[in-house]
Amino acid sequence: MNSNKLRTGLLFLITFFTLASYSQNYIYPLKLTPALSANFGELRNNHFHSGIDFKTQQVINKPVYTIDDGYISRISVSPGGYGLALYINHPTGHTSVYAHLNSFSKKIADYVKAKQYEYERFQLNLDLQPGEMPVKKGEQIALSGNTGGSGGPHLHFEIRETKSESPLNPLNFLSRIPDTQKPDLRGIAFYPVSGKGVVNGGDNPVRLTISKNSSGVPLALSRTIEAWGKIGVGVKTYDKMNGQENIYGVKNIRLYVDEEEVFSSSMNKFSFDKTRMLNSFIDFEDWRINDSFIMKSFVEPGNTLQLYKTVNNGYIDINEERDYRMRYELEDDYGNTLTYSFIVIGKKQLVPQPVDCNNYMGWNFNNSYIDVDFMLNIPAGNLYSDICYSHSKILMHNGLSNMHRIHNRPVPLHNGANIWIKITTDSIVNKQNYGIVKIGENGHKSWIGGTYENGGVETSINELGDKYMVAIDTIPPTIAPQSPESWVKNRRISIRLSDDLSGIAVFRGEIDGTFALFSHDIKSNIYTYLFDNERLPSNQPQELIFSVTDGVGNKSIYQYKFTY
């Protein structure tokens, strides 16, 4: 090795260990005994959980502190999602994220409010320059809350790689939380590959619940499993932590067959552009039908998550009449490991062959289906594996279109697909009022929307297996003022909004022709303005004009005069 290479190598090692040591000095963002309600990489609807959730003793307004020196690089205010959130860049190359906050510290709150009035809107996504708002380690930056898409008071906390914005497992950078509990096994599933494998005489998945004895030790499989050909295996498992009733995601999953490791997954990092691949990581059909998360121990061809190490993509070839001894090792963040052994009996049996497919769709192809009143286009890369597409429709003589069932079972799409449904009775002038709705099993209509194109409506969908048809929305939103006679006394204006179909899209408040800042949280249909002495003259007649527009442009206006 020459001297330049030696110096480069030494510099890399020094930098690596310096950053590793520095990052281990991160403090916790709350001055409470750390307790988690969720951990990193947990399985959620269409995404992995990108951080950890700290409990805040079931209340809001606990002080939140920055974990290290840095600067605020982004501030987000939204009625949904992360609600009120802060992003802080650190010298380590990490960005810490604090979400669902109830309020910001004064200097941040003043900055945000000024920007809201400058841009004349409540919702903001502000990018800041490095020297604009520096913070020190341990500085209070906010109060914890329950804003946005939060299901209860807590602090959602993340550590991201600043350069890529990929979320990292925060527990790799914070001091250990006491935990000696092993993961909990709930089920094992077996998946014959269509046309290539068979399990217990059939080509459907066999999903088994794992029972436990009185000591909580998992018992043997409840059924004998006999297989032949190519199969995959899946596991349903959760982690537990000392002193907590919650269940958490399991960090490491390893599957062995006859002592050879054929599959492992490790949850330390992922990228946001691949988070929907959770739908290939899990048994998506079982999730949609049974609300159950079984994790596959095999990798479909369209799944490019960087979580895996596999042999033969985790698929197992059962080609000998013998016992195949299999073992799962389930490990949490702190090395607590549950081991579960089971047997699959290799037994020759007829492998069912799939019926002829008239609408084959390959995972890496551009795929389409066309009928006289319907079109579907799935761009390449949106399926995780090949499917045989099926389509059915119900004639709706009194509807605006026929009802179309797009495939006969749930199938996830990575980014989405485009559909077009023909309008059978095209009678309105304002075509913007048309939209596509998804029809639930109970007949409930969920507005998807879309645009009018060539006598029909076009929109995008993100999974197959549901029913859709065209609907119309001509009814404007409803504005319901809440006790306006008390507004001045309470120094607060409260207005309830509702819409029958396409949803609230835009709202705006003005007092005497000047923008008035109304706030909103997605969990409530109340929109609130707090009287602002700096911007609202006192002892003068005022007129409030509040307007709201739904998703297709229907608009309502409310006016009210008062003296503040």
Protein backbone atom coordinates (compact mmCIF):
# COMPACT_ATOMS: atom_id res chain seq x y z
CA MET A 1 0.00 0.00 0.00
CA ASN A 2 1.49 3.40 -0.97
CA SER A 3 1.57 6.39 1.40
CA ASN A 4 -1.37 8.20 -0.27
CA LYS A 5 -3.60 5.15 0.09
CA LEU A 6 -2.46 4.71 3.68
CA ARG A 7 -3.26 8.34 4.54
CA THR A 8 -6.65 8.06 2.84
CA GLY A 9 -7.44 4.90 4.76
CA LEU A 10 -6.39 6.40 8.08
CA LEU A 11 -8.40 9.55 7.38
CA PHE A 12 -11.47 7.45 6.61
CA LEU A 13 -11.10 5.47 9.84
CA ILE A 14 -10.55 8.61 11.93
CA THR A 15 -13.58 10.29 10.36
CA PHE A 16 -15.72 7.17 10.79
CA PHE A 17 -14.89 6.66 14.44
CA THR A 18 -15.16 10.40 15.18
CA LEU A 19 -18.67 10.55 13.71
CA ALA A 20 -19.65 7.29 15.39
CA SER A 21 -18.42 8.58 18.74
CA TYR A 22 -20.04 11.98 18.21
CA SER A 23 -23.40 10.50 17.24
CA GLN A 24 -23.43 8.36 20.35
CA ASN A 25 -23.49 11.60 22.37
CA TYR A 26 -27.00 12.44 21.18
CA ILE A 27 -29.31 13.13 24.09
CA TYR A 28 -32.94 12.11 24.27
CA PRO A 29 -35.38 14.75 22.99
CA LEU A 30 -37.53 14.51 26.15
CA LYS A 31 -36.54 14.76 29.79
CA LEU A 32 -38.73 11.79 30.65
CA THR A 33 -37.80 8.19 31.29
CA PRO A 34 -37.71 6.85 27.71
CA ALA A 35 -40.74 4.74 26.86
CA LEU A 36 -41.78 3.87 23.32
CA SER A 37 -45.21 3.45 21.81
CA ALA A 38 -43.69 2.50 18.42
CA ASN A 39 -40.24 1.63 17.09
CA PHE A 40 -38.41 2.02 13.80
CA GLY A 41 -39.62 0.17 10.71
CA GLU A 42 -42.94 -0.94 12.18
CA LEU A 43 -45.47 -2.04 9.60
CA ARG A 44 -48.09 0.55 8.76
CA ASN A 45 -50.68 1.03 6.03
CA ASN A 46 -48.62 1.39 2.84
CA HIS A 47 -45.41 2.42 4.63
CA PHE A 48 -42.75 1.58 7.17
CA HIS A 49 -42.69 3.69 10.34
CA SER A 50 -39.78 6.06 9.78
CA GLY A 51 -38.91 6.82 13.40
CA ILE A 52 -39.68 5.99 17.00
CA ASP A 53 -42.61 7.30 19.03
CA PHE A 54 -41.87 8.46 22.55
CA LYS A 55 -44.67 8.32 25.09
CA THR A 56 -45.47 11.64 26.77
CA GLN A 57 -47.46 10.33 29.73
CA GLN A 58 -50.68 10.55 27.66
CA VAL A 59 -50.63 14.36 27.71
CA ILE A 60 -49.42 17.16 25.44
CA ASN A 61 -47.06 20.08 26.15
CA LYS A 62 -44.01 18.20 27.37
CA PRO A 63 -40.83 20.21 26.56
CA VAL A 64 -38.94 18.94 23.50
CA TYR A 65 -35.18 19.48 23.19
CA THR A 66 -32.75 19.23 20.30
CA ILE A 67 -30.48 16.21 20.57
CA ASP A 68 -27.33 18.04 19.47
CA ASP A 69 -25.96 21.30 18.07
CA GLY A 70 -27.16 22.19 14.61
CA TYR A 71 -29.54 24.43 12.73
CA ILE A 72 -33.22 24.24 11.86
CA SER A 73 -33.27 23.26 8.20
CA ARG A 74 -37.01 22.81 7.69
CA ILE A 75 -40.28 23.71 9.40
CA SER A 76 -43.53 22.03 8.44
CA VAL A 77 -47.07 23.03 9.36
CA SER A 78 -49.83 20.77 8.08
CA PRO A 79 -53.35 19.71 9.16
CA GLY A 80 -52.37 16.09 8.46
CA GLY A 81 -49.19 14.05 8.26
CA TYR A 82 -46.61 15.26 10.79
CA GLY A 83 -48.73 18.23 11.88
CA LEU A 84 -46.27 20.71 13.37
CA ALA A 85 -42.74 19.41 12.72
CA LEU A 86 -39.12 20.54 12.96
CA TYR A 87 -36.06 19.27 11.08
CA ILE A 88 -32.57 19.99 12.46
CA ASN A 89 -29.34 19.35 10.57
CA HIS A 90 -26.34 18.29 12.69
CA PRO A 91 -22.56 18.28 12.02
CA THR A 92 -22.63 14.46 12.13
CA GLY A 93 -24.37 14.30 8.74
CA HIS A 94 -27.67 13.47 10.40
CA THR A 95 -31.00 15.30 10.48
CA SER A 96 -33.22 14.92 13.53
CA VAL A 97 -36.99 15.23 13.11
CA TYR A 98 -39.57 16.13 15.78
CA ALA A 99 -43.20 15.71 14.74
CA HIS A 100 -46.83 16.03 15.93
CA LEU A 101 -45.76 19.00 18.05
CA ASN A 102 -48.33 21.15 19.82
CA SER A 103 -46.35 24.39 19.49
CA PHE A 104 -42.93 25.78 18.64
CA SER A 105 -40.63 27.78 20.91
CA LYS A 106 -41.19 31.54 20.65
CA LYS A 107 -38.48 32.40 18.13
CA ILE A 108 -39.65 29.60 15.83
CA ALA A 109 -43.35 30.36 16.34
CA ASP A 110 -42.84 34.05 15.55
CA TYR A 111 -40.93 33.14 12.39
CA VAL A 112 -43.65 30.70 11.27
CA LYS A 113 -46.50 33.10 11.94
CA ALA A 114 -44.80 35.85 9.95
CA LYS A 115 -44.40 33.44 7.02
CA GLN A 116 -48.03 32.32 7.26
CA TYR A 117 -49.17 35.91 6.91
CA GLU A 118 -46.62 36.58 4.18
CA TYR A 119 -47.85 33.62 2.11
CA GLU A 120 -51.45 33.97 3.39
CA ARG A 121 -51.96 30.33 4.25
CA PHE A 122 -51.91 28.05 7.27
CA GLN A 123 -50.06 25.13 5.72
CA LEU A 124 -46.33 25.69 5.19
CA ASN A 125 -43.19 23.82 4.26
CA LEU A 126 -40.25 26.14 4.91
CA ASP A 127 -36.60 25.44 4.02
CA LEU A 128 -34.07 27.44 6.03
CA GLN A 129 -30.42 28.28 5.36
CA PRO A 130 -27.61 26.99 7.67
CA GLY A 131 -27.03 30.28 9.48
CA GLU A 132 -30.64 31.34 9.69
CA MET A 133 -31.75 29.60 12.90
CA PRO A 134 -28.98 27.77 14.82
CA VAL A 135 -29.78 25.69 17.90
CA LYS A 136 -27.69 24.29 20.73
CA LYS A 137 -27.71 20.78 22.16
CA GLY A 138 -30.40 20.57 24.83
CA GLU A 139 -32.17 23.75 23.70
CA GLN A 140 -35.94 23.64 24.06
CA ILE A 141 -37.47 23.92 20.60
CA ALA A 142 -41.12 22.93 21.09
CA LEU A 143 -43.82 21.35 23.19
CA SER A 144 -45.00 17.83 22.40
CA GLY A 145 -48.47 17.37 21.02
CA ASN A 146 -50.97 15.37 19.01
CA THR A 147 -51.19 17.31 15.74
CA GLY A 148 -51.60 15.95 12.23
CA GLY A 149 -52.11 12.25 11.63
CA SER A 150 -51.36 11.34 15.26
CA GLY A 151 -53.52 8.85 17.10
CA GLY A 152 -52.73 10.18 20.58
CA PRO A 153 -50.25 12.40 22.45
CA HIS A 154 -46.65 11.43 21.72
CA LEU A 155 -43.44 12.67 20.11
CA HIS A 156 -42.56 11.16 16.75
CA PHE A 157 -38.76 11.31 16.47
CA GLU A 158 -36.46 10.46 13.57
CA ILE A 159 -32.81 10.45 12.67
CA ARG A 160 -32.20 10.75 8.95
CA GLU A 161 -29.12 10.66 6.78
CA THR A 162 -28.96 14.33 5.73
CA LYS A 163 -27.54 13.73 2.25
CA SER A 164 -30.04 11.08 1.15
CA GLU A 165 -32.88 11.95 3.58
CA SER A 166 -33.19 8.21 4.28
CA PRO A 167 -34.48 7.47 7.79
CA LEU A 168 -32.15 5.53 10.09
CA ASN A 169 -32.97 3.47 13.16
CA PRO A 170 -32.69 6.00 16.03
CA LEU A 171 -32.07 3.27 18.60
CA ASN A 172 -28.67 2.75 16.96
CA PHE A 173 -27.68 6.27 18.08
CA LEU A 174 -29.28 6.68 21.52
CA SER A 175 -28.37 5.16 24.86
CA ARG A 176 -30.03 1.82 25.49
CA ILE A 177 -33.54 1.52 26.88
CA PRO A 178 -33.73 -1.37 29.39
CA ASP A 179 -35.24 -4.33 27.57
CA THR A 180 -34.86 -8.06 28.16
CA GLN A 181 -38.01 -9.34 26.44
CA LYS A 182 -37.81 -11.57 23.39
CA PRO A 183 -40.03 -11.09 20.34
CA ASP A 184 -43.43 -12.77 20.32
CA LEU A 185 -44.32 -15.29 17.59
CA ARG A 186 -47.93 -15.20 16.34
CA GLY A 187 -48.03 -17.21 13.11
CA ILE A 188 -46.28 -19.03 10.25
CA ALA A 189 -47.50 -19.07 6.63
CA PHE A 190 -46.59 -21.19 3.59
CA TYR A 191 -46.86 -19.97 0.00
CA PRO A 192 -46.71 -22.37 -2.97
CA VAL A 193 -45.42 -20.65 -6.09
CA SER A 194 -48.11 -20.77 -8.78
CA GLY A 195 -47.49 -23.61 -11.22
CA LYS A 196 -44.24 -24.59 -9.46
CA GLY A 197 -45.17 -25.62 -5.94
CA VAL A 198 -47.87 -27.16 -3.79
CA VAL A 199 -48.62 -27.13 -0.05
CA ASN A 200 -50.99 -29.74 1.46
CA GLY A 201 -52.39 -30.58 -1.97
CA GLY A 202 -53.31 -27.02 -2.98
CA ASP A 203 -51.91 -23.86 -4.52
CA ASN A 204 -53.36 -21.42 -1.96
CA PRO A 205 -51.38 -20.03 0.99
CA VAL A 206 -51.62 -21.96 4.24
CA ARG A 207 -51.61 -19.55 7.18
CA LEU A 208 -51.30 -20.97 10.68
CA THR A 209 -51.69 -19.33 14.09
CA ILE A 210 -49.05 -20.32 16.62
CA SER A 211 -50.45 -21.16 20.05
CA LYS A 212 -48.46 -20.97 23.31
CA ASN A 213 -48.31 -22.97 26.50
CA SER A 214 -49.02 -21.54 29.95
CA SER A 215 -45.46 -20.20 30.14
CA GLY A 216 -45.83 -18.33 26.85
CA VAL A 217 -43.59 -20.72 24.89
CA PRO A 218 -44.73 -21.21 21.26
CA LEU A 219 -46.15 -24.66 20.53
CA ALA A 220 -45.60 -26.79 17.42
CA LEU A 221 -47.44 -26.10 14.17
CA SER A 222 -51.14 -26.87 14.51
CA ARG A 223 -51.14 -28.76 11.20
CA THR A 224 -48.71 -31.04 9.41
CA ILE A 225 -47.25 -29.23 6.41
CA GLU A 226 -46.49 -31.35 3.33
CA ALA A 227 -45.01 -29.57 0.33
CA TRP A 228 -43.45 -30.20 -3.06
CA GLY A 229 -41.73 -27.90 -5.50
CA LYS A 230 -41.03 -24.20 -4.97
CA ILE A 231 -42.48 -22.52 -1.89
CA GLY A 232 -42.02 -19.47 0.29
CA VAL A 233 -42.50 -19.03 4.03
CA GLY A 234 -43.72 -16.07 6.08
CA VAL A 235 -43.89 -15.14 9.75
CA LYS A 236 -46.15 -13.02 11.93
CA THR A 237 -44.21 -11.64 14.87
CA TYR A 238 -44.01 -8.63 17.17
CA ASP A 239 -41.54 -7.38 19.73
CA LYS A 240 -42.19 -6.46 23.35
CA MET A 241 -40.34 -4.20 25.79
CA ASN A 242 -39.98 -4.21 29.55
CA GLY A 243 -42.84 -2.54 31.40
CA GLN A 244 -44.87 -1.74 28.25
CA GLU A 245 -48.12 -3.17 26.94
CA ASN A 246 -47.39 -2.09 23.36
CA ILE A 247 -46.25 -4.35 20.56
CA TYR A 248 -43.40 -3.31 18.27
CA GLY A 249 -41.73 -4.31 15.03
CA VAL A 250 -39.00 -6.97 15.05
CA LYS A 251 -35.65 -5.68 13.81
CA ASN A 252 -34.03 -8.86 12.48
CA ILE A 253 -35.67 -11.92 10.93
CA ARG A 254 -33.63 -14.94 9.85
CA LEU A 255 -34.90 -18.18 8.28
CA TYR A 256 -32.80 -21.35 8.18
CA VAL A 257 -33.46 -24.52 6.21
CA ASP A 258 -31.38 -27.53 7.29
CA GLU A 259 -29.01 -25.11 9.11
CA GLU A 260 -28.47 -22.95 6.01
CA GLU A 261 -29.59 -19.35 6.28
CA VAL A 262 -31.80 -18.76 3.23
CA PHE A 263 -33.30 -15.42 4.22
CA SER A 264 -32.60 -12.50 6.52
CA SER A 265 -34.00 -9.00 6.81
CA SER A 266 -32.68 -6.22 9.02
CA MET A 267 -34.49 -2.96 9.71
CA ASN A 268 -31.83 -0.25 10.02
CA LYS A 269 -32.47 2.06 7.06
CA PHE A 270 -34.80 2.52 4.11
CA SER A 271 -35.56 5.22 1.56
CA PHE A 272 -38.87 7.03 1.34
CA ASP A 273 -39.22 6.32 -2.37
CA LYS A 274 -39.35 2.60 -1.52
CA THR A 275 -41.47 2.71 1.63
CA ARG A 276 -44.56 1.48 -0.29
CA MET A 277 -42.61 -1.70 -0.96
CA LEU A 278 -43.78 -2.67 2.50
CA ASN A 279 -46.72 -4.04 0.51
CA SER A 280 -44.37 -6.63 -1.00
CA PHE A 281 -42.55 -7.19 2.29
CA ILE A 282 -45.87 -8.39 3.74
CA ASP A 283 -48.68 -10.72 2.69
CA PHE A 284 -50.72 -7.87 1.20
CA GLU A 285 -53.85 -9.91 0.55
CA ASP A 286 -54.00 -11.11 4.16
CA TRP A 287 -53.44 -7.53 5.37
CA ARG A 288 -56.30 -6.16 3.29
CA ILE A 289 -58.74 -8.96 4.13
CA ASN A 290 -57.81 -9.85 7.71
CA ASP A 291 -55.95 -6.77 8.96
CA SER A 292 -52.98 -9.01 9.72
CA PHE A 293 -49.26 -8.42 9.08
CA ILE A 294 -47.45 -11.56 7.91
CA MET A 295 -43.92 -10.81 6.72
CA LYS A 296 -42.70 -12.79 3.73
CA SER A 297 -39.33 -14.52 3.97
CA PHE A 298 -38.88 -14.40 0.21
CA VAL A 299 -38.38 -11.50 -2.20
CA GLU A 300 -40.63 -10.87 -5.18
CA PRO A 301 -38.89 -9.73 -8.39
CA GLY A 302 -40.23 -6.16 -8.26
CA ASN A 303 -39.17 -5.66 -4.64
CA THR A 304 -35.85 -3.74 -4.45
CA LEU A 305 -35.78 -2.97 -0.72
CA GLN A 306 -32.22 -3.01 0.64
CA LEU A 307 -33.17 -5.00 3.73
CA TYR A 308 -32.40 -8.51 2.61
CA LYS A 309 -29.75 -11.18 2.34
CA THR A 310 -31.08 -14.29 0.62
CA VAL A 311 -30.32 -17.54 -1.12
CA ASN A 312 -32.52 -18.03 -4.21
CA ASN A 313 -34.44 -14.91 -3.13
CA GLY A 314 -35.60 -16.84 -0.06
CA TYR A 315 -37.60 -19.40 -2.06
CA ILE A 316 -37.22 -23.03 -0.97
CA ASP A 317 -37.08 -25.99 -3.36
CA ILE A 318 -38.74 -29.03 -1.81
CA ASN A 319 -37.46 -31.80 -4.11
CA GLU A 320 -36.74 -34.71 -1.77
CA GLU A 321 -39.12 -36.88 0.20
CA ARG A 322 -37.77 -36.12 3.66
CA ASP A 323 -38.14 -33.73 6.58
CA TYR A 324 -36.96 -30.18 5.88
CA ARG A 325 -35.92 -28.76 9.23
CA MET A 326 -36.61 -25.05 9.37
CA ARG A 327 -35.90 -22.43 12.01
CA TYR A 328 -36.77 -18.79 12.53
CA GLU A 329 -34.56 -16.50 14.59
CA LEU A 330 -36.41 -13.33 15.59
CA GLU A 331 -34.23 -10.62 17.13
CA ASP A 332 -35.03 -7.16 18.54
CA ASP A 333 -32.95 -3.98 18.70
CA TYR A 334 -31.05 -5.12 21.78
CA GLY A 335 -30.26 -8.70 20.77
CA ASN A 336 -33.11 -10.46 22.58
CA THR A 337 -33.80 -13.45 20.33
CA LEU A 338 -36.63 -15.96 19.98
CA THR A 339 -35.85 -19.21 18.13
CA TYR A 340 -38.65 -21.33 16.68
CA SER A 341 -38.07 -24.63 14.86
CA PHE A 342 -40.57 -26.45 12.66
CA ILE A 343 -40.67 -29.13 9.98
CA VAL A 344 -41.98 -29.15 6.42
CA ILE A 345 -42.38 -32.68 5.08
CA GLY A 346 -41.24 -33.17 1.52
CA LYS A 347 -43.90 -35.29 -0.15
CA LYS A 348 -44.44 -35.78 -3.87
CA GLN A 349 -47.85 -34.50 -4.88
CA LEU A 350 -49.43 -33.06 -7.99
CA VAL A 351 -48.51 -29.43 -8.53
CA PRO A 352 -51.69 -27.60 -9.62
CA GLN A 353 -51.25 -25.84 -12.93
CA PRO A 354 -52.74 -22.38 -13.36
CA VAL A 355 -55.65 -21.98 -15.74
CA ASP A 356 -55.03 -20.32 -19.09
CA CYS A 357 -54.55 -16.60 -18.63
CA ASN A 358 -56.18 -14.19 -21.06
CA ASN A 359 -54.79 -11.06 -19.40
CA TYR A 360 -51.26 -11.85 -18.27
CA MET A 361 -49.40 -8.89 -16.74
CA GLY A 362 -45.66 -9.03 -16.11
CA TRP A 363 -44.13 -7.09 -13.23
CA ASN A 364 -41.52 -5.40 -15.46
CA PHE A 365 -43.78 -4.62 -18.43
CA ASN A 366 -46.14 -1.81 -19.33
CA ASN A 367 -49.53 -3.49 -18.88
CA SER A 368 -52.99 -2.47 -20.03
CA TYR A 369 -56.58 -3.65 -20.21
CA ILE A 370 -59.13 -2.05 -22.54
CA ASP A 371 -62.90 -2.45 -22.74
CA VAL A 372 -65.56 -0.33 -24.44
CA ASP A 373 -66.22 1.64 -21.25
CA PHE A 374 -63.03 1.11 -19.26
CA MET A 375 -59.25 1.40 -19.60
CA LEU A 376 -56.43 0.45 -17.23
CA ASN A 377 -52.73 1.21 -17.67
CA ILE A 378 -50.10 -0.06 -15.24
CA PRO A 379 -46.63 1.34 -16.08
CA ALA A 380 -43.65 -0.98 -15.78
CA GLY A 381 -42.26 -1.28 -12.27
CA ASN A 382 -45.56 -0.91 -10.45
CA LEU A 383 -46.30 -4.60 -9.96
CA TYR A 384 -44.07 -6.58 -7.59
CA SER A 385 -44.80 -9.91 -9.30
CA ASP A 386 -46.68 -11.23 -12.33
CA ILE A 387 -50.47 -11.51 -12.19
CA CYS A 388 -53.27 -12.90 -14.30
CA TYR A 389 -55.57 -9.88 -14.43
CA SER A 390 -59.33 -10.33 -14.15
CA HIS A 391 -62.04 -7.73 -14.71
CA SER A 392 -65.75 -7.65 -14.06
CA LYS A 393 -68.45 -5.02 -14.26
CA ILE A 394 -71.96 -4.50 -13.00
CA LEU A 395 -74.40 -2.65 -15.24
CA MET A 396 -75.75 0.40 -13.42
CA HIS A 397 -78.86 1.49 -15.33
CA ASN A 398 -79.54 4.41 -12.97
CA GLY A 399 -75.92 5.46 -12.49
CA LEU A 400 -73.52 7.71 -14.34
CA SER A 401 -71.37 4.73 -15.32
CA ASN A 402 -71.10 1.01 -14.89
CA MET A 403 -69.36 -0.29 -11.77
CA HIS A 404 -65.99 -1.92 -12.49
CA ARG A 405 -64.15 -4.39 -10.26
CA ILE A 406 -60.47 -4.01 -11.04
CA HIS A 407 -59.05 -7.52 -10.44
CA ASN A 408 -60.49 -10.25 -8.24
CA ARG A 409 -58.16 -9.93 -5.25
CA PRO A 410 -56.03 -7.27 -3.54
CA VAL A 411 -52.76 -6.51 -5.35
CA PRO A 412 -50.51 -3.59 -4.38
CA LEU A 413 -49.03 -1.12 -6.85
CA HIS A 414 -45.82 0.72 -6.14
CA ASN A 415 -46.61 4.18 -7.53
CA GLY A 416 -49.95 3.60 -9.14
CA ALA A 417 -51.97 2.93 -12.27
CA ASN A 418 -54.31 5.01 -14.42
CA ILE A 419 -57.93 4.11 -15.04
CA TRP A 420 -60.59 5.65 -17.28
CA ILE A 421 -64.31 4.97 -16.87
CA LYS A 422 -66.84 6.03 -19.48
CA ILE A 423 -69.80 8.16 -18.42
CA THR A 424 -72.98 6.52 -19.69
CA THR A 425 -75.18 9.57 -18.96
CA ASP A 426 -73.11 12.70 -19.62
CA SER A 427 -75.62 15.42 -18.80
CA ILE A 428 -73.93 18.24 -16.84
CA VAL A 429 -72.23 21.31 -18.27
CA ASN A 430 -69.52 21.67 -15.63
CA LYS A 431 -67.43 18.56 -16.21
CA GLN A 432 -65.28 19.41 -13.17
CA ASN A 433 -68.09 18.06 -10.98
CA TYR A 434 -67.44 14.50 -12.16
CA GLY A 435 -65.14 12.18 -10.25
CA ILE A 436 -64.47 8.52 -9.65
CA VAL A 437 -65.47 6.93 -6.35
CA LYS A 438 -64.34 3.67 -4.77
CA ILE A 439 -67.21 1.50 -3.56
CA GLY A 440 -66.64 -0.34 -0.28
CA GLU A 441 -68.16 -3.70 0.59
CA ASN A 442 -70.88 -1.87 2.55
CA GLY A 443 -71.64 0.43 -0.38
CA HIS A 444 -69.76 3.38 1.14
CA LYS A 445 -68.38 5.78 -1.48
CA SER A 446 -64.84 7.16 -1.12
CA TRP A 447 -64.00 10.03 -3.44
CA ILE A 448 -60.93 9.38 -5.64
CA GLY A 449 -61.51 12.26 -8.06
CA GLY A 450 -60.07 12.63 -11.53
CA THR A 451 -60.42 14.69 -14.68
CA TYR A 452 -62.96 14.59 -17.48
CA GLU A 453 -61.44 13.03 -20.62
CA ASN A 454 -63.16 11.92 -23.85
CA GLY A 455 -66.58 11.29 -22.36
CA GLY A 456 -65.28 9.69 -19.18
CA VAL A 457 -63.23 10.31 -16.07
CA GLU A 458 -59.55 9.47 -15.69
CA THR A 459 -57.75 9.09 -12.37
CA SER A 460 -54.96 7.15 -10.67
CA ILE A 461 -55.27 4.29 -8.17
CA ASN A 462 -52.60 2.65 -5.99
CA GLU A 463 -53.87 -0.92 -5.66
CA LEU A 464 -56.04 -3.46 -7.43
CA GLY A 465 -58.99 -5.41 -6.07
CA ASP A 466 -61.64 -2.71 -5.54
CA LYS A 467 -64.80 -1.49 -7.29
CA TYR A 468 -65.05 1.93 -8.94
CA MET A 469 -67.63 4.02 -10.76
CA VAL A 470 -68.27 7.63 -11.77
CA ALA A 471 -70.13 9.97 -9.39
CA ILE A 472 -71.02 13.65 -9.36
CA ASP A 473 -70.61 16.32 -6.69
CA THR A 474 -72.59 19.53 -7.11
CA ILE A 475 -73.24 20.30 -3.44
CA PRO A 476 -71.02 23.01 -1.89
CA PRO A 477 -69.46 22.57 1.57
CA THR A 478 -71.42 23.47 4.68
CA ILE A 479 -70.17 26.31 6.90
CA ALA A 480 -71.44 26.15 10.49
CA PRO A 481 -70.25 28.98 12.80
CA GLN A 482 -69.84 27.82 16.40
CA SER A 483 -71.46 30.27 18.89
CA PRO A 484 -70.51 33.50 17.07
CA GLU A 485 -72.00 35.57 19.87
CA SER A 486 -69.14 34.37 22.11
CA TRP A 487 -66.28 34.95 19.67
CA VAL A 488 -65.22 38.34 20.97
CA LYS A 489 -65.50 37.34 24.62
CA ASN A 490 -63.45 34.17 24.06
CA ARG A 491 -61.07 35.90 21.63
CA ARG A 492 -61.52 32.95 19.30
CA ILE A 493 -63.50 32.28 16.12
CA SER A 494 -64.56 28.67 15.56
CA ILE A 495 -66.17 27.40 12.37
CA ARG A 496 -67.21 23.83 11.56
CA LEU A 497 -66.84 22.69 7.94
CA SER A 498 -68.24 19.60 6.27
CA ASP A 499 -68.60 18.29 2.73
CA ASP A 500 -70.68 15.43 1.40
CA LEU A 501 -68.27 13.84 -1.09
CA SER A 502 -65.13 15.38 -2.62
CA GLY A 503 -63.86 16.94 0.63
CA ILE A 504 -62.54 20.33 1.70
CA ALA A 505 -59.81 21.53 -0.68
CA VAL A 506 -59.29 25.25 0.08
CA PHE A 507 -60.36 27.57 2.89
CA ARG A 508 -59.65 31.22 3.57
CA GLY A 509 -60.59 33.72 6.23
CA GLU A 510 -60.51 37.50 5.87
CA ILE A 511 -61.31 40.25 8.35
CA ASP A 512 -62.05 43.59 6.71
CA GLY A 513 -60.46 42.33 3.50
CA THR A 514 -57.21 41.28 5.18
CA PHE A 515 -56.02 37.66 5.51
CA ALA A 516 -56.89 36.07 8.86
CA LEU A 517 -54.93 33.00 9.98
CA PHE A 518 -57.26 30.05 10.62
CA SER A 519 -55.65 26.84 11.86
CA HIS A 520 -56.91 23.31 11.30
CA ASP A 521 -56.09 19.73 12.33
CA ILE A 522 -57.15 16.75 10.24
CA LYS A 523 -58.72 14.97 13.23
CA SER A 524 -61.31 17.74 13.63
CA ASN A 525 -63.63 19.63 11.30
CA ILE A 526 -63.25 22.80 13.38
CA TYR A 527 -61.27 25.72 11.89
CA THR A 528 -60.02 28.27 14.42
CA TYR A 529 -58.82 31.89 14.41
CA LEU A 530 -57.24 33.41 17.53
CA PHE A 531 -57.68 37.17 17.82
CA ASP A 532 -54.36 38.88 17.07
CA ASN A 533 -53.87 42.24 18.81
CA GLU A 534 -51.00 43.15 16.48
CA ARG A 535 -53.09 42.71 13.35
CA LEU A 536 -56.67 43.35 14.50
CA PRO A 537 -57.72 46.89 15.53
CA SER A 538 -59.75 46.97 18.76
CA ASN A 539 -63.04 48.78 19.43
CA GLN A 540 -63.90 48.88 15.73
CA PRO A 541 -66.58 47.14 13.68
CA GLN A 542 -65.14 44.18 11.76
CA GLU A 543 -66.49 41.91 9.06
CA LEU A 544 -65.41 38.27 8.75
CA ILE A 545 -65.64 36.66 5.33
CA PHE A 546 -64.88 32.94 5.38
CA SER A 547 -64.85 30.99 2.12
CA VAL A 548 -64.39 27.30 1.45
CA THR A 549 -64.10 25.27 -1.75
CA ASP A 550 -64.43 21.50 -2.14
CA GLY A 551 -62.45 19.13 -4.35
CA VAL A 552 -64.44 19.88 -7.51
CA GLY A 553 -64.78 23.65 -7.10
CA ASN A 554 -68.12 23.99 -5.29
CA LYS A 555 -67.80 27.07 -3.07
CA SER A 556 -69.53 28.45 0.01
CA ILE A 557 -69.10 31.86 1.71
CA TYR A 558 -70.02 32.96 5.23
CA GLN A 559 -70.09 36.59 6.45
CA TYR A 560 -70.37 37.94 9.99
CA LYS A 561 -69.97 41.40 11.52
CA PHE A 562 -68.61 41.99 15.01
CA THR A 563 -66.81 44.61 17.09
CA TYR A 564 -63.56 43.55 18.72
